[in-house]
């Protein structure tokens, strides 16, 4: 992946996915609604600058200015980006948008609490019911596998059950106790507090 493409995948697409999963769960139908929530806006900015930017190879780019331009774009109500639509096909998007960056943090022993929350938000989303108990129309090539896992596992078992999907997580991440603990902790935060409060609490880490 070229450095420019990597920057777009991790900063733009990665934060878009984060907002899509957690925003949908919090009841926001569009990305610009997420941006009207100060906690979501701050989380997206920190995700980009504190967690994604340090993983990039690109040079001679003002990443702070890039992040702020993306936040302004996300806030534009004319774009009408639906959280449900951006949440589609996460199994195909998660590796490049979030997991590759997490692998670098694991190698470097650096902090990635918002990336963990993003992955956990995806897990909560593909479990198929929202926080009011309504069914989520999960559109993904692996949706049948997600349904089977959700039916066969309790909330406490869900993270480990989804980590068996090697086509997403590979062989390495499910074997990494630091990774598993971080995702499990973030998932518990979402199920205990709800997505919006989980974002607020994660900003305190």
N, C-alpha and C. Protein backbone atom coordinates (compact mmCIF):
# COMPACT_ATOMS: atom_id res chain seq x y z
N UNK A 1 0.85 -1.20 0.00
CA UNK A 1 0.00 0.00 0.00
C UNK A 1 0.89 1.24 0.00
N UNK A 2 0.62 2.19 -0.89
CA UNK A 2 1.40 3.41 -0.97
C UNK A 2 1.13 4.29 0.26
N UNK A 3 2.11 5.12 0.67
CA UNK A 3 1.92 5.95 1.87
C UNK A 3 0.66 6.82 1.83
N UNK A 4 0.34 7.41 0.67
CA UNK A 4 -0.88 8.23 0.57
C UNK A 4 -2.13 7.39 0.80
N UNK A 5 -2.15 6.23 0.18
CA UNK A 5 -3.30 5.33 0.32
C UNK A 5 -3.44 4.87 1.77
N UNK A 6 -2.31 4.57 2.39
CA UNK A 6 -2.31 4.15 3.80
C UNK A 6 -2.87 5.26 4.69
N UNK A 7 -2.49 6.50 4.42
CA UNK A 7 -2.99 7.64 5.19
C UNK A 7 -4.51 7.74 5.06
N UNK A 8 -5.00 7.59 3.84
CA UNK A 8 -6.45 7.67 3.61
C UNK A 8 -7.17 6.51 4.32
N UNK A 9 -6.64 5.29 4.15
CA UNK A 9 -7.29 4.12 4.74
C UNK A 9 -7.39 4.23 6.26
N UNK A 10 -6.30 4.64 6.89
CA UNK A 10 -6.28 4.64 8.36
C UNK A 10 -6.93 5.88 8.95
N UNK A 11 -6.62 7.05 8.41
CA UNK A 11 -7.14 8.27 9.01
C UNK A 11 -8.57 8.56 8.56
N UNK A 12 -8.80 8.64 7.26
CA UNK A 12 -10.15 8.93 6.78
C UNK A 12 -11.08 7.73 6.99
N UNK A 13 -10.75 6.62 6.33
CA UNK A 13 -11.66 5.47 6.37
C UNK A 13 -11.76 4.86 7.77
N UNK A 14 -10.65 4.82 8.49
CA UNK A 14 -10.67 4.25 9.84
C UNK A 14 -11.56 5.03 10.78
N UNK A 15 -11.45 6.37 10.74
CA UNK A 15 -12.31 7.17 11.62
C UNK A 15 -13.76 7.13 11.15
N UNK A 16 -13.98 7.06 9.83
CA UNK A 16 -15.33 6.91 9.28
C UNK A 16 -15.99 5.63 9.81
N UNK A 17 -15.23 4.53 9.80
CA UNK A 17 -15.76 3.26 10.31
C UNK A 17 -16.05 3.34 11.81
N UNK A 18 -15.12 3.92 12.56
CA UNK A 18 -15.31 4.12 14.01
C UNK A 18 -16.63 4.85 14.27
N UNK A 19 -16.84 5.96 13.55
CA UNK A 19 -18.06 6.75 13.72
C UNK A 19 -19.30 5.97 13.27
N UNK A 20 -19.14 5.15 12.23
CA UNK A 20 -20.29 4.40 11.71
C UNK A 20 -20.79 3.38 12.72
N UNK A 21 -19.90 2.55 13.27
CA UNK A 21 -20.34 1.50 14.20
C UNK A 21 -20.84 2.10 15.51
N UNK A 22 -20.02 2.94 16.13
CA UNK A 22 -20.39 3.47 17.44
C UNK A 22 -21.51 4.50 17.32
N UNK A 23 -21.49 5.27 16.22
CA UNK A 23 -22.56 6.23 15.99
C UNK A 23 -23.90 5.56 15.77
N UNK A 24 -23.90 4.51 14.95
CA UNK A 24 -25.15 3.77 14.73
C UNK A 24 -25.69 3.25 16.05
N UNK A 25 -24.83 2.64 16.85
CA UNK A 25 -25.26 2.07 18.13
C UNK A 25 -25.77 3.16 19.07
N UNK A 26 -25.20 4.36 18.97
CA UNK A 26 -25.62 5.48 19.82
C UNK A 26 -26.89 6.15 19.30
N UNK A 27 -27.38 5.70 18.15
CA UNK A 27 -28.63 6.24 17.62
C UNK A 27 -28.47 7.33 16.58
N UNK A 28 -27.26 7.54 16.08
CA UNK A 28 -27.03 8.56 15.06
C UNK A 28 -27.15 7.94 13.67
N UNK A 29 -28.05 8.49 12.87
CA UNK A 29 -28.30 7.94 11.53
C UNK A 29 -27.26 8.41 10.51
N UNK A 30 -26.65 9.57 10.76
CA UNK A 30 -25.70 10.14 9.80
C UNK A 30 -24.41 10.54 10.49
N UNK A 31 -23.33 10.55 9.71
CA UNK A 31 -22.01 10.91 10.26
C UNK A 31 -22.00 12.34 10.79
N UNK A 32 -22.68 13.27 10.09
CA UNK A 32 -22.66 14.65 10.58
C UNK A 32 -23.35 14.80 11.94
N UNK A 33 -24.29 13.90 12.26
CA UNK A 33 -24.90 13.92 13.60
C UNK A 33 -23.87 13.51 14.65
N UNK A 34 -23.02 12.54 14.32
CA UNK A 34 -21.94 12.16 15.24
C UNK A 34 -21.05 13.37 15.53
N UNK A 35 -20.80 14.18 14.50
CA UNK A 35 -19.91 15.32 14.64
C UNK A 35 -20.51 16.42 15.51
N UNK A 36 -21.84 16.43 15.66
CA UNK A 36 -22.48 17.40 16.55
C UNK A 36 -22.34 16.99 18.01
N UNK A 37 -21.89 15.77 18.25
CA UNK A 37 -21.64 15.26 19.59
C UNK A 37 -20.15 15.47 19.89
N UNK A 38 -19.86 16.35 20.84
CA UNK A 38 -18.46 16.72 21.10
C UNK A 38 -17.59 15.52 21.43
N UNK A 39 -18.15 14.53 22.11
CA UNK A 39 -17.36 13.35 22.49
C UNK A 39 -16.96 12.55 21.26
N UNK A 40 -17.89 12.39 20.33
CA UNK A 40 -17.58 11.65 19.10
C UNK A 40 -16.57 12.41 18.24
N UNK A 41 -16.74 13.72 18.17
CA UNK A 41 -15.81 14.52 17.38
C UNK A 41 -14.40 14.43 17.95
N UNK A 42 -14.29 14.57 19.27
CA UNK A 42 -12.99 14.48 19.94
C UNK A 42 -12.39 13.08 19.77
N UNK A 43 -13.23 12.06 19.87
CA UNK A 43 -12.74 10.68 19.71
C UNK A 43 -12.20 10.47 18.30
N UNK A 44 -12.91 10.96 17.30
CA UNK A 44 -12.45 10.80 15.91
C UNK A 44 -11.12 11.52 15.70
N UNK A 45 -10.99 12.72 16.28
CA UNK A 45 -9.75 13.49 16.13
C UNK A 45 -8.58 12.77 16.81
N UNK A 46 -8.81 12.30 18.03
CA UNK A 46 -7.74 11.59 18.75
C UNK A 46 -7.38 10.27 18.08
N UNK A 47 -8.40 9.58 17.58
CA UNK A 47 -8.14 8.33 16.86
C UNK A 47 -7.18 8.60 15.70
N UNK A 48 -7.47 9.65 14.94
CA UNK A 48 -6.63 9.96 13.78
C UNK A 48 -5.22 10.39 14.19
N UNK A 49 -5.13 11.33 15.13
CA UNK A 49 -3.83 11.95 15.42
C UNK A 49 -2.99 11.18 16.43
N UNK A 50 -3.63 10.60 17.45
CA UNK A 50 -2.87 9.91 18.50
C UNK A 50 -2.61 8.45 18.18
N UNK A 51 -3.53 7.83 17.42
CA UNK A 51 -3.43 6.38 17.22
C UNK A 51 -3.15 5.97 15.78
N UNK A 52 -3.69 6.68 14.80
CA UNK A 52 -3.44 6.30 13.41
C UNK A 52 -2.23 7.00 12.80
N UNK A 53 -2.10 8.31 13.02
CA UNK A 53 -0.98 9.05 12.43
C UNK A 53 0.39 8.46 12.76
N UNK A 54 0.63 8.03 14.02
CA UNK A 54 1.97 7.48 14.33
C UNK A 54 2.30 6.18 13.60
N UNK A 55 1.30 5.53 12.99
CA UNK A 55 1.56 4.26 12.29
C UNK A 55 1.88 4.48 10.80
N UNK A 56 1.84 5.73 10.34
CA UNK A 56 1.97 6.00 8.90
C UNK A 56 3.42 6.22 8.49
N UNK A 57 3.71 5.86 7.23
CA UNK A 57 5.04 6.05 6.66
C UNK A 57 5.18 7.41 5.97
N UNK A 58 4.08 8.11 5.81
CA UNK A 58 4.08 9.31 4.98
C UNK A 58 4.88 10.44 5.63
N UNK A 59 5.54 11.25 4.78
CA UNK A 59 6.29 12.41 5.26
C UNK A 59 5.82 13.64 4.49
N UNK A 60 6.19 14.81 4.99
CA UNK A 60 5.88 16.09 4.32
C UNK A 60 4.38 16.34 4.19
N UNK A 61 3.60 15.83 5.12
CA UNK A 61 2.16 16.12 5.16
C UNK A 61 1.83 16.60 6.56
N UNK A 62 1.06 17.69 6.64
CA UNK A 62 0.59 18.19 7.93
C UNK A 62 -0.62 17.35 8.34
N UNK A 63 -0.39 16.34 9.15
CA UNK A 63 -1.46 15.39 9.49
C UNK A 63 -2.51 16.03 10.39
N UNK A 64 -2.12 17.03 11.19
CA UNK A 64 -3.11 17.73 12.02
C UNK A 64 -4.09 18.49 11.13
N UNK A 65 -3.56 19.18 10.13
CA UNK A 65 -4.43 19.91 9.20
C UNK A 65 -5.31 18.93 8.41
N UNK A 66 -4.73 17.80 8.02
CA UNK A 66 -5.50 16.78 7.30
C UNK A 66 -6.65 16.26 8.17
N UNK A 67 -6.36 15.95 9.44
CA UNK A 67 -7.39 15.45 10.35
C UNK A 67 -8.50 16.48 10.52
N UNK A 68 -8.12 17.75 10.71
CA UNK A 68 -9.14 18.78 10.92
C UNK A 68 -9.98 19.00 9.66
N UNK A 69 -9.36 18.87 8.48
CA UNK A 69 -10.14 18.98 7.24
C UNK A 69 -11.13 17.83 7.12
N UNK A 70 -10.72 16.64 7.56
CA UNK A 70 -11.64 15.49 7.53
C UNK A 70 -12.80 15.69 8.49
N UNK A 71 -12.52 16.20 9.68
CA UNK A 71 -13.59 16.44 10.66
C UNK A 71 -14.60 17.44 10.11
N UNK A 72 -14.11 18.49 9.44
CA UNK A 72 -15.01 19.47 8.85
C UNK A 72 -15.85 18.83 7.74
N UNK A 73 -15.23 17.95 6.97
CA UNK A 73 -15.95 17.25 5.92
C UNK A 73 -17.02 16.33 6.52
N UNK A 74 -16.64 15.59 7.56
CA UNK A 74 -17.60 14.69 8.22
C UNK A 74 -18.80 15.47 8.78
N UNK A 75 -18.56 16.73 9.19
CA UNK A 75 -19.61 17.54 9.82
C UNK A 75 -20.57 18.15 8.80
N UNK A 76 -20.25 18.04 7.52
CA UNK A 76 -21.06 18.68 6.48
C UNK A 76 -22.39 17.95 6.32
N UNK A 77 -23.52 18.61 6.67
CA UNK A 77 -24.82 17.93 6.60
C UNK A 77 -25.25 17.63 5.16
N UNK A 78 -24.66 18.33 4.18
CA UNK A 78 -25.04 18.10 2.79
C UNK A 78 -24.60 16.73 2.28
N UNK A 79 -23.58 16.14 2.92
CA UNK A 79 -23.05 14.86 2.42
C UNK A 79 -23.98 13.68 2.73
N UNK A 80 -24.75 13.78 3.82
CA UNK A 80 -25.73 12.73 4.15
C UNK A 80 -25.13 11.32 4.15
N UNK A 81 -23.97 11.17 4.75
CA UNK A 81 -23.35 9.85 4.87
C UNK A 81 -24.05 9.07 5.98
N UNK A 82 -24.72 8.01 5.62
CA UNK A 82 -25.46 7.23 6.62
C UNK A 82 -24.52 6.28 7.36
N UNK A 83 -24.65 6.24 8.67
CA UNK A 83 -23.80 5.34 9.46
C UNK A 83 -24.03 3.90 9.04
N UNK A 84 -25.27 3.53 8.78
CA UNK A 84 -25.59 2.15 8.39
C UNK A 84 -24.86 1.77 7.09
N UNK A 85 -24.81 2.72 6.16
CA UNK A 85 -24.18 2.45 4.86
C UNK A 85 -22.66 2.28 5.01
N UNK A 86 -22.04 3.16 5.80
CA UNK A 86 -20.59 3.08 5.99
C UNK A 86 -20.22 1.84 6.79
N UNK A 87 -21.15 1.35 7.60
CA UNK A 87 -20.90 0.15 8.41
C UNK A 87 -20.92 -1.14 7.58
N UNK A 88 -21.37 -1.06 6.33
CA UNK A 88 -21.44 -2.26 5.49
C UNK A 88 -20.06 -2.87 5.24
N UNK A 89 -20.04 -4.17 5.06
CA UNK A 89 -18.83 -4.89 4.60
C UNK A 89 -17.62 -4.68 5.50
N UNK A 90 -17.87 -4.57 6.80
CA UNK A 90 -16.78 -4.34 7.75
C UNK A 90 -15.73 -5.43 7.74
N UNK A 91 -16.14 -6.66 7.46
CA UNK A 91 -15.16 -7.76 7.46
C UNK A 91 -14.08 -7.53 6.42
N UNK A 92 -14.43 -6.82 5.34
CA UNK A 92 -13.47 -6.53 4.27
C UNK A 92 -12.62 -5.29 4.58
N UNK A 93 -13.14 -4.43 5.45
CA UNK A 93 -12.52 -3.12 5.68
C UNK A 93 -11.69 -3.06 6.95
N UNK A 94 -12.08 -3.83 7.95
CA UNK A 94 -11.44 -3.73 9.27
C UNK A 94 -9.93 -3.96 9.23
N UNK A 95 -9.44 -4.98 8.49
CA UNK A 95 -7.99 -5.23 8.51
C UNK A 95 -7.16 -4.01 8.10
N UNK A 96 -7.50 -3.37 6.99
CA UNK A 96 -6.71 -2.23 6.52
C UNK A 96 -6.98 -0.96 7.31
N UNK A 97 -8.22 -0.79 7.75
CA UNK A 97 -8.59 0.48 8.40
C UNK A 97 -8.18 0.54 9.87
N UNK A 98 -8.17 -0.62 10.55
CA UNK A 98 -7.88 -0.60 11.99
C UNK A 98 -6.83 -1.63 12.41
N UNK A 99 -6.93 -2.86 11.93
CA UNK A 99 -6.10 -3.93 12.48
C UNK A 99 -4.62 -3.78 12.12
N UNK A 100 -4.32 -3.27 10.93
CA UNK A 100 -2.91 -3.09 10.56
C UNK A 100 -2.24 -2.06 11.46
N UNK A 101 -2.97 -0.99 11.78
CA UNK A 101 -2.44 0.00 12.71
C UNK A 101 -2.25 -0.56 14.10
N UNK A 102 -3.21 -1.38 14.55
CA UNK A 102 -3.10 -2.01 15.87
C UNK A 102 -1.87 -2.90 15.93
N UNK A 103 -1.58 -3.63 14.86
CA UNK A 103 -0.39 -4.49 14.84
C UNK A 103 0.88 -3.67 15.10
N UNK A 104 0.93 -2.47 14.56
CA UNK A 104 2.11 -1.62 14.79
C UNK A 104 2.18 -1.17 16.25
N UNK A 105 1.02 -0.83 16.83
CA UNK A 105 1.01 -0.45 18.25
C UNK A 105 1.46 -1.63 19.13
N UNK A 106 1.03 -2.82 18.79
CA UNK A 106 1.43 -4.00 19.57
C UNK A 106 2.94 -4.22 19.49
N UNK A 107 3.51 -4.02 18.31
CA UNK A 107 4.97 -4.16 18.15
C UNK A 107 5.72 -3.12 18.99
N UNK A 108 5.15 -1.91 19.04
CA UNK A 108 5.83 -0.79 19.69
C UNK A 108 5.45 -0.64 21.16
N UNK A 109 4.42 -1.38 21.58
CA UNK A 109 3.93 -1.27 22.95
C UNK A 109 3.40 0.14 23.24
N UNK A 110 2.68 0.71 22.26
CA UNK A 110 2.06 2.02 22.42
C UNK A 110 0.55 1.87 22.60
N UNK A 111 -0.10 2.95 23.04
CA UNK A 111 -1.52 2.88 23.44
C UNK A 111 -2.46 3.04 22.24
N UNK A 112 -3.55 2.29 22.25
CA UNK A 112 -4.53 2.34 21.15
C UNK A 112 -5.97 2.12 21.67
N UNK A 113 -6.40 2.86 22.71
CA UNK A 113 -7.72 2.61 23.30
C UNK A 113 -8.89 2.87 22.36
N UNK A 114 -8.76 3.86 21.46
CA UNK A 114 -9.88 4.16 20.56
C UNK A 114 -9.96 3.16 19.41
N UNK A 115 -8.82 2.69 18.94
CA UNK A 115 -8.85 1.60 17.95
C UNK A 115 -9.50 0.36 18.55
N UNK A 116 -9.19 0.07 19.81
CA UNK A 116 -9.82 -1.07 20.49
C UNK A 116 -11.33 -0.88 20.55
N UNK A 117 -11.76 0.35 20.87
CA UNK A 117 -13.20 0.63 20.94
C UNK A 117 -13.84 0.51 19.57
N UNK A 118 -13.12 0.91 18.53
CA UNK A 118 -13.65 0.78 17.17
C UNK A 118 -13.88 -0.67 16.78
N UNK A 119 -12.91 -1.52 17.07
CA UNK A 119 -13.05 -2.96 16.77
C UNK A 119 -14.18 -3.55 17.60
N UNK A 120 -14.24 -3.18 18.88
CA UNK A 120 -15.32 -3.68 19.75
C UNK A 120 -16.68 -3.16 19.28
N UNK A 121 -16.71 -1.93 18.78
CA UNK A 121 -17.95 -1.38 18.23
C UNK A 121 -18.42 -2.17 17.03
N UNK A 122 -17.47 -2.55 16.17
CA UNK A 122 -17.81 -3.43 15.04
C UNK A 122 -18.38 -4.75 15.55
N UNK A 123 -17.76 -5.35 16.56
CA UNK A 123 -18.24 -6.62 17.11
C UNK A 123 -19.65 -6.49 17.67
N UNK A 124 -19.89 -5.38 18.37
CA UNK A 124 -21.22 -5.16 18.94
C UNK A 124 -22.24 -4.95 17.82
N UNK A 125 -21.85 -4.25 16.77
CA UNK A 125 -22.72 -3.98 15.63
C UNK A 125 -23.10 -5.27 14.91
N UNK A 126 -22.10 -6.11 14.60
CA UNK A 126 -22.40 -7.33 13.83
C UNK A 126 -23.08 -8.40 14.68
N UNK A 127 -23.19 -8.14 15.99
CA UNK A 127 -23.98 -9.06 16.83
C UNK A 127 -25.47 -8.97 16.48
N UNK A 128 -25.87 -7.89 15.79
CA UNK A 128 -27.16 -7.89 15.11
C UNK A 128 -28.34 -7.25 15.81
N UNK A 129 -28.16 -6.72 17.03
CA UNK A 129 -29.26 -5.98 17.66
C UNK A 129 -28.71 -4.68 18.23
N UNK A 130 -29.50 -3.61 18.13
CA UNK A 130 -29.03 -2.33 18.65
C UNK A 130 -29.30 -2.23 20.15
N UNK A 131 -29.04 -1.07 20.73
CA UNK A 131 -29.13 -0.93 22.18
C UNK A 131 -30.57 -0.91 22.68
N UNK A 132 -31.52 -0.76 21.76
CA UNK A 132 -32.95 -0.85 22.12
C UNK A 132 -33.51 -2.25 21.85
N UNK A 133 -32.65 -3.16 21.40
CA UNK A 133 -33.09 -4.52 21.11
C UNK A 133 -33.66 -4.71 19.72
N UNK A 134 -33.56 -3.68 18.88
CA UNK A 134 -34.05 -3.80 17.50
C UNK A 134 -33.00 -4.47 16.62
N UNK A 135 -33.47 -5.23 15.63
CA UNK A 135 -32.55 -5.92 14.73
C UNK A 135 -31.78 -4.91 13.88
N UNK A 136 -30.48 -5.17 13.68
CA UNK A 136 -29.65 -4.38 12.77
C UNK A 136 -29.55 -5.15 11.46
N UNK A 137 -29.78 -4.46 10.36
CA UNK A 137 -29.65 -5.09 9.03
C UNK A 137 -28.16 -5.06 8.65
N UNK A 138 -27.43 -6.09 9.09
CA UNK A 138 -25.98 -6.15 8.87
C UNK A 138 -25.71 -6.65 7.45
N UNK A 139 -25.14 -5.78 6.62
CA UNK A 139 -24.81 -6.16 5.24
C UNK A 139 -23.31 -6.46 5.17
N UNK A 140 -22.98 -7.71 4.96
CA UNK A 140 -21.58 -8.12 4.95
C UNK A 140 -21.49 -9.50 4.30
N UNK A 141 -20.42 -9.78 3.54
CA UNK A 141 -20.26 -11.13 2.97
C UNK A 141 -20.26 -12.23 4.03
N UNK A 142 -19.89 -11.88 5.27
CA UNK A 142 -19.82 -12.88 6.34
C UNK A 142 -21.03 -12.81 7.28
N UNK A 143 -22.11 -12.15 6.86
CA UNK A 143 -23.23 -11.94 7.78
C UNK A 143 -23.83 -13.24 8.31
N UNK A 144 -23.83 -14.30 7.50
CA UNK A 144 -24.36 -15.58 7.99
C UNK A 144 -23.49 -16.12 9.13
N UNK A 145 -22.18 -15.97 8.99
CA UNK A 145 -21.28 -16.40 10.08
C UNK A 145 -21.52 -15.57 11.33
N UNK A 146 -21.71 -14.25 11.15
CA UNK A 146 -21.97 -13.39 12.31
C UNK A 146 -23.24 -13.84 13.03
N UNK A 147 -24.30 -14.12 12.26
CA UNK A 147 -25.57 -14.55 12.86
C UNK A 147 -25.39 -15.83 13.66
N UNK A 148 -24.66 -16.78 13.07
CA UNK A 148 -24.44 -18.06 13.75
C UNK A 148 -23.65 -17.85 15.05
N UNK A 149 -22.63 -16.99 15.00
CA UNK A 149 -21.82 -16.72 16.19
C UNK A 149 -22.67 -16.03 17.25
N UNK A 150 -23.47 -15.05 16.84
CA UNK A 150 -24.30 -14.31 17.80
C UNK A 150 -25.30 -15.23 18.49
N UNK A 151 -25.85 -16.17 17.73
CA UNK A 151 -26.83 -17.10 18.32
C UNK A 151 -26.17 -18.10 19.26
N UNK A 152 -24.93 -18.46 18.97
CA UNK A 152 -24.27 -19.53 19.73
C UNK A 152 -23.44 -19.02 20.91
N UNK A 153 -23.26 -17.69 21.02
CA UNK A 153 -22.39 -17.17 22.07
C UNK A 153 -23.11 -16.13 22.93
N UNK A 154 -22.78 -16.12 24.21
CA UNK A 154 -23.28 -15.07 25.10
C UNK A 154 -22.45 -13.81 24.88
N UNK A 155 -22.88 -12.69 25.48
CA UNK A 155 -22.09 -11.46 25.39
C UNK A 155 -20.67 -11.68 25.90
N UNK A 156 -20.55 -12.44 26.98
CA UNK A 156 -19.23 -12.68 27.58
C UNK A 156 -18.32 -13.49 26.65
N UNK A 157 -18.93 -14.30 25.79
CA UNK A 157 -18.16 -15.17 24.88
C UNK A 157 -17.96 -14.55 23.50
N UNK A 158 -18.65 -13.42 23.24
CA UNK A 158 -18.74 -12.90 21.87
C UNK A 158 -17.39 -12.53 21.27
N UNK A 159 -16.55 -11.85 22.04
CA UNK A 159 -15.25 -11.42 21.50
C UNK A 159 -14.44 -12.63 21.04
N UNK A 160 -14.28 -13.62 21.91
CA UNK A 160 -13.49 -14.80 21.53
C UNK A 160 -14.12 -15.54 20.36
N UNK A 161 -15.45 -15.55 20.31
CA UNK A 161 -16.13 -16.23 19.20
C UNK A 161 -15.85 -15.53 17.87
N UNK A 162 -15.92 -14.21 17.85
CA UNK A 162 -15.65 -13.48 16.60
C UNK A 162 -14.18 -13.51 16.22
N UNK A 163 -13.30 -13.63 17.21
CA UNK A 163 -11.87 -13.70 16.91
C UNK A 163 -11.48 -14.99 16.20
N UNK A 164 -12.38 -15.97 16.16
CA UNK A 164 -12.09 -17.20 15.41
C UNK A 164 -12.14 -16.97 13.89
N UNK A 165 -12.62 -15.79 13.46
CA UNK A 165 -12.73 -15.50 12.03
C UNK A 165 -11.36 -15.08 11.49
N UNK A 166 -10.60 -16.08 11.06
CA UNK A 166 -9.22 -15.82 10.62
C UNK A 166 -9.16 -14.94 9.38
N UNK A 167 -10.23 -14.96 8.58
CA UNK A 167 -10.23 -14.13 7.38
C UNK A 167 -10.21 -12.64 7.73
N UNK A 168 -10.56 -12.31 8.98
CA UNK A 168 -10.49 -10.92 9.44
C UNK A 168 -9.26 -10.70 10.32
N UNK A 169 -9.09 -11.54 11.33
CA UNK A 169 -8.10 -11.28 12.38
C UNK A 169 -6.77 -12.02 12.17
N UNK A 170 -6.72 -12.90 11.18
CA UNK A 170 -5.49 -13.65 10.94
C UNK A 170 -5.21 -14.65 12.05
N UNK A 171 -4.01 -15.19 12.04
CA UNK A 171 -3.59 -16.13 13.09
C UNK A 171 -2.95 -15.41 14.26
N UNK A 172 -2.39 -14.23 14.00
CA UNK A 172 -1.57 -13.57 15.01
C UNK A 172 -2.37 -12.88 16.11
N UNK A 173 -3.37 -12.08 15.73
CA UNK A 173 -4.06 -11.26 16.73
C UNK A 173 -4.82 -12.08 17.77
N UNK A 174 -5.56 -13.14 17.38
CA UNK A 174 -6.26 -13.93 18.39
C UNK A 174 -5.32 -14.62 19.38
N UNK A 175 -4.05 -14.77 19.01
CA UNK A 175 -3.07 -15.41 19.89
C UNK A 175 -2.35 -14.38 20.78
N UNK A 176 -2.65 -13.11 20.57
CA UNK A 176 -1.94 -12.06 21.30
C UNK A 176 -2.79 -11.63 22.51
N UNK A 177 -2.35 -11.96 23.74
CA UNK A 177 -3.19 -11.67 24.91
C UNK A 177 -3.42 -10.18 25.14
N UNK A 178 -2.47 -9.34 24.75
CA UNK A 178 -2.67 -7.89 24.89
C UNK A 178 -3.81 -7.43 23.99
N UNK A 179 -3.82 -7.92 22.76
CA UNK A 179 -4.90 -7.59 21.82
C UNK A 179 -6.24 -8.09 22.35
N UNK A 180 -6.30 -9.35 22.72
CA UNK A 180 -7.57 -9.95 23.16
C UNK A 180 -8.12 -9.22 24.39
N UNK A 181 -7.25 -8.93 25.35
CA UNK A 181 -7.70 -8.24 26.56
C UNK A 181 -8.22 -6.84 26.26
N UNK A 182 -7.54 -6.13 25.36
CA UNK A 182 -7.96 -4.76 25.02
C UNK A 182 -9.33 -4.76 24.34
N UNK A 183 -9.53 -5.68 23.40
CA UNK A 183 -10.81 -5.74 22.69
C UNK A 183 -11.91 -6.19 23.65
N UNK A 184 -11.63 -7.18 24.48
CA UNK A 184 -12.63 -7.67 25.43
C UNK A 184 -13.03 -6.56 26.42
N UNK A 185 -12.05 -5.79 26.88
CA UNK A 185 -12.35 -4.69 27.80
C UNK A 185 -13.21 -3.63 27.16
N UNK A 186 -12.89 -3.28 25.91
CA UNK A 186 -13.68 -2.28 25.19
C UNK A 186 -15.09 -2.79 24.91
N UNK A 187 -15.20 -4.07 24.59
CA UNK A 187 -16.52 -4.66 24.32
C UNK A 187 -17.39 -4.64 25.58
N UNK A 188 -16.78 -4.98 26.73
CA UNK A 188 -17.53 -4.92 27.99
C UNK A 188 -17.99 -3.50 28.29
N UNK A 189 -17.15 -2.53 27.98
CA UNK A 189 -17.51 -1.13 28.21
C UNK A 189 -18.75 -0.76 27.39
N UNK A 190 -18.79 -1.21 26.13
CA UNK A 190 -19.94 -0.90 25.27
C UNK A 190 -21.20 -1.59 25.78
N UNK A 191 -21.10 -2.86 26.14
CA UNK A 191 -22.30 -3.59 26.57
C UNK A 191 -22.79 -3.09 27.93
N UNK A 192 -21.86 -2.64 28.77
CA UNK A 192 -22.25 -2.17 30.11
C UNK A 192 -22.82 -0.75 30.09
N UNK A 193 -22.20 0.13 29.30
CA UNK A 193 -22.52 1.55 29.36
C UNK A 193 -23.34 2.04 28.17
N UNK A 194 -23.33 1.29 27.07
CA UNK A 194 -23.86 1.81 25.82
C UNK A 194 -22.75 2.51 25.06
N UNK A 195 -22.92 2.64 23.75
CA UNK A 195 -21.84 3.12 22.88
C UNK A 195 -21.43 4.56 23.21
N UNK A 196 -22.41 5.44 23.42
CA UNK A 196 -22.06 6.85 23.63
C UNK A 196 -21.25 7.03 24.91
N UNK A 197 -21.70 6.42 25.99
CA UNK A 197 -20.97 6.55 27.26
C UNK A 197 -19.62 5.83 27.18
N UNK A 198 -19.55 4.77 26.41
CA UNK A 198 -18.28 4.06 26.23
C UNK A 198 -17.26 4.96 25.54
N UNK A 199 -17.71 5.76 24.57
CA UNK A 199 -16.82 6.72 23.92
C UNK A 199 -16.31 7.73 24.94
N UNK A 200 -17.22 8.26 25.76
CA UNK A 200 -16.85 9.26 26.78
C UNK A 200 -15.83 8.67 27.75
N UNK A 201 -16.07 7.44 28.20
CA UNK A 201 -15.16 6.80 29.17
C UNK A 201 -13.80 6.51 28.54
N UNK A 202 -13.80 6.12 27.27
CA UNK A 202 -12.53 5.79 26.60
C UNK A 202 -11.67 7.03 26.43
N UNK A 203 -12.28 8.19 26.28
CA UNK A 203 -11.52 9.43 26.17
C UNK A 203 -10.77 9.76 27.46
N UNK A 204 -11.17 9.13 28.57
CA UNK A 204 -10.50 9.37 29.86
C UNK A 204 -9.27 8.49 30.04
N UNK A 205 -9.11 7.49 29.17
CA UNK A 205 -7.99 6.54 29.32
C UNK A 205 -6.69 7.21 28.86
